[in-house]
Protein backbone atom coordinates (compact mmCIF):
# COMPACT_ATOMS: atom_id res chain seq x y z
CA MET A 1 190.67 84.05 229.65
CA ARG A 2 190.12 83.27 225.68
CA TRP A 3 187.96 86.60 225.25
CA ILE A 4 190.06 89.16 226.99
CA ASP A 5 192.55 87.63 224.55
CA ARG A 6 190.57 88.03 221.27
CA PHE A 7 189.62 91.74 222.33
CA LYS A 8 193.28 92.82 222.32
CA TYR A 9 193.47 91.15 219.25
CA CYS A 10 190.59 93.31 217.99
CA GLY A 11 192.08 96.25 219.70
CA ALA A 12 195.19 95.79 217.92
CA VAL A 13 193.67 95.58 214.12
CA ALA A 14 191.62 98.26 214.80
CA VAL A 15 194.92 100.49 215.25
CA MET A 16 196.60 98.91 212.49
CA CYS A 17 193.71 98.90 209.68
CA GLY A 18 191.91 101.39 211.36
CA MET A 19 188.69 99.04 211.22
CA CYS A 20 187.37 96.87 213.71
CA CYS A 21 186.77 92.57 214.07
CA ALA A 22 184.48 90.97 212.20
CA TRP A 23 184.54 91.81 208.29
CA GLY A 24 185.40 95.29 209.38
CA PHE A 25 183.06 97.95 209.71
CA PRO A 26 182.00 99.06 206.27
CA VAL A 27 181.50 95.51 205.07
CA HIS A 28 179.10 95.25 208.24
CA ARG A 29 177.22 98.26 207.00
CA HIS A 30 177.29 96.89 203.62
CA ILE A 31 175.29 93.84 204.91
CA ASN A 32 172.83 95.45 206.86
CA ARG A 33 171.97 98.04 204.01
CA SER A 34 172.17 95.26 201.24
CA ALA A 35 169.80 92.94 203.59
CA THR A 36 167.52 95.94 203.77
CA GLN A 37 167.24 96.26 199.99
CA ALA A 38 166.58 92.36 199.57
CA LEU A 39 163.47 92.48 202.10
CA PRO A 40 160.08 90.91 200.17
CA PRO A 41 157.41 93.86 200.76
CA PRO A 42 156.22 95.32 202.62
CA LEU A 43 158.81 94.92 205.63
CA ARG A 44 161.14 96.35 202.87
CA GLY A 45 159.40 99.41 202.53
CA TRP A 46 159.24 99.69 206.04
CA LEU A 47 162.74 98.75 206.56
CA MET A 48 163.98 101.16 203.98
CA CYS A 49 162.77 104.34 206.20
CA GLU A 50 165.87 103.60 208.53
CA VAL A 51 168.01 101.88 206.24
CA GLU A 52 170.60 104.52 206.97
CA TRP A 53 170.28 103.63 210.64
CA LEU A 54 170.46 100.33 210.42
CA SER A 55 173.79 100.37 208.69
CA ALA A 56 175.50 103.21 210.55
CA HIS A 57 174.45 100.79 213.74
CA ALA A 58 175.53 97.59 212.21
CA THR A 59 178.81 97.77 214.36
CA ASP A 60 177.37 98.57 217.82
CA ALA A 61 177.92 94.86 218.71
CA ASP A 62 181.59 95.44 218.40
CA LYS A 63 181.76 98.61 219.96
CA ARG A 64 180.01 97.00 223.26
CA LYS A 65 182.97 95.24 223.70
CA HIS A 66 185.03 97.71 225.65
CA THR A 67 182.24 98.30 227.94
CA VAL A 68 179.85 94.74 227.80
CA GLU A 69 180.98 92.29 230.01
CA ARG A 70 180.58 88.85 227.93
CA GLU A 71 180.40 90.67 224.76
CA ALA A 72 183.17 89.07 222.94
CA PRO A 73 181.96 85.59 223.35
CA ARG A 74 178.87 86.47 221.38
CA HIS A 75 180.97 86.63 218.08
CA TYR A 76 182.71 83.65 217.91
CA LEU A 77 182.65 79.58 218.99
CA ASP A 78 186.07 77.49 218.77
CA GLY A 79 184.54 74.77 217.45
CA ASP A 80 187.68 72.86 217.53
CA ALA A 81 187.98 73.41 221.12
CA PRO A 82 188.82 69.80 222.97
CA ALA A 83 187.08 71.58 225.93
CA LEU A 84 183.72 71.68 223.91
CA ALA A 85 183.86 67.98 223.08
CA CYS A 86 181.29 67.93 225.82
CA LEU A 87 178.73 68.95 222.86
CA ASP A 88 179.37 66.11 220.67
CA THR A 89 176.49 63.72 221.93
CA LEU A 90 174.02 66.74 221.63
CA GLY A 91 173.13 66.61 217.57
CA GLU A 92 174.32 69.04 215.13
CA ALA A 93 172.61 71.93 217.03
CA PRO A 94 172.88 71.96 220.22
CA TRP A 95 170.20 74.16 222.04
CA TYR A 96 171.63 76.00 225.10
CA GLY A 97 170.00 74.81 227.86
CA ARG A 98 171.29 71.34 227.02
CA ALA A 99 174.64 72.45 226.56
CA LEU A 100 174.99 73.95 229.97
CA LEU A 101 174.07 70.16 231.41
CA ALA A 102 176.47 68.90 229.25
CA CYS A 103 179.29 71.32 229.87
CA SER A 104 180.14 74.00 232.27
CA GLU A 105 178.56 77.46 231.85
CA ASP A 106 182.21 78.91 232.27
CA THR A 107 183.59 76.37 229.28
CA LEU A 108 180.78 77.66 227.07
CA TRP A 109 181.35 81.43 227.36
CA GLU A 110 185.35 81.02 227.66
CA TYR A 111 184.83 79.40 224.01
CA GLY A 112 181.74 81.57 222.62
CA VAL A 113 178.37 81.36 222.19
CA LEU A 114 177.80 82.90 218.79
CA PRO A 115 175.14 80.21 217.65
CA TRP A 116 173.16 80.79 220.78
CA GLN A 117 173.46 84.50 220.44
CA ILE A 118 172.20 84.71 216.97
CA GLY A 119 168.91 82.44 218.73
CA TRP A 120 168.53 84.99 221.41
CA SER A 121 168.90 88.14 218.86
CA TYR A 122 166.14 86.52 216.87
CA ARG A 123 163.87 86.26 219.90
CA GLN A 124 164.55 89.68 220.76
CA LEU A 125 163.45 91.20 217.37
CA VAL A 126 160.55 89.03 217.35
CA VAL A 127 159.17 90.27 220.55
CA ALA A 128 159.98 93.80 219.32
CA PHE A 129 158.07 93.29 216.04
CA ASP A 130 155.07 91.62 218.09
CA SER A 131 155.12 94.82 220.40
CA LEU A 132 155.38 97.55 217.71
CA ASP A 133 158.70 98.79 219.07
CA ARG A 134 160.33 101.12 216.69
CA ALA A 135 163.29 101.37 218.92
CA GLY A 136 163.87 97.67 219.58
CA ILE A 137 163.00 96.46 216.31
CA LEU A 138 166.09 98.68 214.88
CA ARG A 139 168.53 97.78 217.96
CA ASN A 140 167.61 93.77 217.57
CA ALA A 141 167.67 94.04 213.79
CA ALA A 142 171.13 96.12 213.96
CA ASP A 143 172.82 93.75 216.31
CA LEU A 144 171.16 90.65 214.87
CA GLY A 145 172.84 91.71 211.36
CA HIS A 146 176.09 92.02 213.32
CA TYR A 147 176.41 88.59 214.59
CA VAL A 148 175.02 86.53 211.31
CA ALA A 149 178.00 88.35 209.73
CA ASP A 150 180.52 87.16 212.15
CA ALA A 151 179.02 83.57 211.81
CA HIS A 152 180.06 83.79 208.24
CA VAL A 153 183.95 84.32 208.80
CA PRO A 154 185.53 81.16 209.04
CA LEU A 155 188.47 82.47 211.80
CA HIS A 156 185.12 83.27 213.99
CA THR A 157 184.56 79.43 214.61
CA THR A 158 188.31 78.54 215.34
CA LEU A 159 190.42 78.59 218.06
CA ASN A 160 193.78 79.43 215.81
CA TYR A 161 191.51 82.77 215.12
CA ASN A 162 194.37 84.74 214.18
CA GLY A 163 196.85 82.34 213.05
CA GLN A 164 198.48 82.01 216.10
CA MET A 165 198.94 78.63 216.63
CA THR A 166 200.71 77.94 213.06
CA GLY A 167 202.99 81.12 212.66
CA GLN A 168 200.12 82.69 210.46
CA ASP A 169 199.78 85.70 213.08
CA GLY A 170 197.72 88.56 211.25
CA ILE A 171 195.75 86.35 208.84
CA HIS A 172 192.32 87.35 210.55
CA GLY A 173 192.60 90.86 209.52
CA VAL A 174 193.89 89.86 206.27
CA TRP A 175 190.91 87.45 205.37
CA GLU A 176 188.48 89.98 206.66
CA THR A 177 189.63 93.44 206.16
CA ARG A 178 192.08 93.67 203.41
CA LEU A 179 191.06 91.17 200.91
CA PRO A 180 187.25 93.28 201.34
CA ALA A 181 189.10 96.54 200.79
CA LEU A 182 191.14 95.93 197.69
CA PHE A 183 188.63 93.28 195.77
CA GLY A 184 185.39 94.07 197.32
CA GLY A 185 184.63 96.58 195.02
CA GLY A 186 183.99 93.74 192.16
CA TYR A 187 182.18 91.50 193.84
CA ALA A 188 178.61 90.38 192.79
CA LEU A 189 176.33 90.61 195.92
CA LEU A 190 172.50 90.95 194.73
CA VAL A 191 170.70 88.54 196.80
CA GLU A 192 167.17 87.63 195.48
CA ASP A 193 165.74 84.61 197.31
CA VAL A 194 165.34 85.89 200.60
CA GLY A 195 163.00 83.43 202.08
CA TYR A 196 161.82 82.14 205.83
CA ILE A 197 163.79 80.38 208.20
CA ARG A 198 162.12 77.68 209.88
CA ASP A 199 164.57 76.69 212.25
CA VAL A 200 166.87 79.41 213.58
CA ASN A 201 169.10 77.36 215.73
CA LEU A 202 169.15 74.78 213.44
CA TRP A 203 170.43 77.57 210.24
CA ALA A 204 172.87 79.31 213.16
CA TRP A 205 174.64 75.83 213.67
CA ALA A 206 174.82 75.32 209.88
CA SER A 207 176.15 78.58 208.83
CA ILE A 208 179.06 78.33 211.71
CA SER A 209 180.07 74.52 210.44
CA HIS A 210 180.22 75.69 206.80
CA SER A 211 182.71 78.41 207.96
CA HIS A 212 184.55 76.27 210.13
CA SER A 213 184.53 73.79 207.43
CA CYS A 214 186.60 76.68 205.17
CA VAL A 215 189.17 77.23 208.01
CA PRO A 216 191.67 74.92 206.26
CA LEU A 217 191.96 76.78 203.03
CA VAL A 218 192.56 80.09 204.59
CA LEU A 219 195.51 78.80 206.25
CA SER A 220 196.65 76.68 203.62
CA GLU A 221 196.55 79.06 201.06
CA GLU A 222 198.08 81.84 203.08
CA ARG A 223 201.20 79.14 203.43
CA HIS A 224 201.05 79.36 199.70
CA ALA A 225 200.95 83.00 198.91
CA THR A 226 203.64 83.10 201.59
CA ALA A 227 205.92 80.94 200.14
CA LEU A 228 205.56 82.87 196.70
CA HIS A 229 205.63 86.52 197.55
CA GLY A 230 207.70 86.06 201.52
CA GLU A 231 205.79 88.20 203.80
CA GLY A 232 204.67 91.21 201.14
CA LEU A 233 204.69 93.87 204.18
CA VAL A 234 204.39 97.49 203.06
CA ARG A 235 203.64 100.58 204.93
CA GLU A 236 200.23 102.00 204.21
CA GLU A 237 198.27 104.68 206.07
CA ARG A 238 194.56 103.61 206.53
CA GLY A 239 192.67 105.33 208.92
CA GLY A 240 194.85 108.26 209.28
CA ARG A 241 197.40 105.70 210.55
CA LEU A 242 200.40 104.20 208.83
CA GLY A 243 200.91 100.77 209.27
CA LEU A 244 202.18 97.21 207.62
CA GLU A 245 199.60 95.59 205.36
CA ARG A 246 200.28 92.96 203.41
CA ASP A 247 200.84 94.07 199.62
CA GLU A 248 198.54 93.47 196.63
CA ALA A 249 200.49 91.15 194.72
CA TRP A 250 200.62 88.65 198.14
CA CYS A 251 196.69 89.57 198.46
CA ALA A 252 195.99 88.93 194.80
CA THR A 253 197.63 85.42 194.83
CA TYR A 254 195.81 84.79 198.28
CA HIS A 255 192.72 86.41 197.05
CA ASP A 256 192.44 84.12 193.86
CA ARG A 257 193.71 80.74 195.78
CA LEU A 258 190.94 81.45 198.22
CA ASP A 259 188.51 80.65 194.89
CA GLY A 260 185.40 83.27 195.84
CA MET A 261 185.52 82.26 199.04
CA VAL A 262 185.46 85.79 200.35
CA GLU A 263 182.67 86.91 198.05
CA THR A 264 180.67 83.70 198.74
CA GLN A 265 180.45 84.41 202.45
CA TRP A 266 179.68 88.04 202.32
CA ARG A 267 177.08 87.15 200.23
CA ALA A 268 175.75 84.37 202.35
CA SER A 269 175.63 87.10 205.10
CA ILE A 270 173.53 89.37 203.31
CA LEU A 271 170.91 86.79 202.72
CA GLY A 272 170.86 85.56 206.21
CA VAL A 273 170.66 88.40 207.84
CA SER A 274 167.84 89.24 205.41
CA SER A 275 166.04 86.03 205.23
CA LEU A 276 166.17 85.72 209.23
CA TRP A 277 164.76 89.16 209.86
CA TYR A 278 161.96 88.81 207.33
CA SER A 279 161.26 85.62 209.60
CA ALA A 280 161.26 87.48 212.56
CA TRP A 281 158.64 89.40 211.18
CA VAL A 282 156.35 86.39 210.37
CA ASP A 283 157.17 84.50 213.34
CA ALA A 284 155.42 88.04 215.14
CA GLY A 285 152.23 87.67 213.15
CA GLU A 286 153.53 89.59 210.57
CA PRO A 287 152.55 92.78 212.01
CA ASP A 288 151.40 96.49 209.89
CA LEU A 289 154.33 98.52 210.44
CA THR A 290 152.80 101.35 208.47
CA GLY A 291 152.53 103.82 211.61
CA VAL A 292 156.20 102.65 213.26
CA PHE A 293 158.37 103.32 210.22
CA GLU A 294 155.91 105.70 208.32
CA PRO A 295 154.79 109.09 210.61
CA ALA A 296 151.86 110.91 208.56
CA VAL A 297 154.56 113.99 208.46
CA GLN A 298 156.75 112.25 206.02
CA SER A 299 156.53 114.01 202.72
CA TRP A 300 154.80 112.08 199.79
CA TRP A 301 157.59 111.49 198.00
CA LYS A 302 159.94 110.32 200.78
CA ARG A 303 157.58 107.38 201.44
CA PHE A 304 157.53 106.84 197.33
CA LEU A 305 161.16 106.90 197.05
CA GLN A 306 161.16 104.56 200.37
CA ARG A 307 158.71 102.21 199.06
CA LEU A 308 160.74 101.83 195.87
CA GLY A 309 163.88 100.92 198.01
CA TRP A 310 165.47 104.19 196.91
CA GLY A 311 166.32 101.94 193.45
CA SER A 312 167.78 98.77 193.18
CA GLN A 313 169.72 96.68 195.60
CA MET A 314 173.95 97.30 194.84
CA GLU A 315 175.34 95.11 193.35
CA ARG A 316 179.08 96.14 194.28
CA ALA A 317 180.39 96.68 197.42
CA PRO A 318 181.52 99.97 198.56
CA VAL A 319 185.94 99.97 198.93
CA PRO A 320 186.85 100.80 202.21
């Protein structure tokens, strides 16, 4: 099954790069942290009480691939798979129930359920907010943040997810891990226009569609960098392991030719996560979470600093 192949690939990237799939651990953590800081009040003040948890657990969904059946297909959608032509008559944002009638369940899970997973996680977060369920809010917010971030990685939207169909093996890790590690510290990632998303299903499909539209450039510019620099491989230590990486000259050419794509998708991830968290809270009736996230035993100065968001939102990403 295709999801097993993807799982094996993720393990290989983790060994080589010291990170895991879908942006790499530092980027996922940064996205959830920055999404928390970008929230409108009063939700921002409440969730800032647990910003460290939301950041640290941004990668839980990736870790579940090792233990939970059918977790891997929740992270991608092979939008160009011929087998998904069964969705063509269902409009631009088909609901899962209609997709099941048009395609088999096995087909959907073979080629990924990412847009629907975003909706499922969103509804679980709404329920958690409505129930004032602290653990449920944190768990579902962290997971939703992860899936939304994955939806902004172009190679999570194609059968050719690692360039294996075009002789460009390894491109997945370069785009989502190597380039952010080299250039992420210079990105402007501040977002300020967080708002309510009325149709989450439509938003999820639109985000994935945009990511998929980036795939041709992701592939073509890799060929350009390779034509100019050759394979550009060097041995580097990362995460305590020695492995092959693209050298900085090769990556600089590739990064420049992508014309800000990685930065744009990273920033869009932050905006999407923050907007969906806020929307879930609104759909739950805007409950007062003061007693949920600000226990009386907490010192007044800590509550004050958390209300302020521990300072302004980070504009620069941490370099892994």
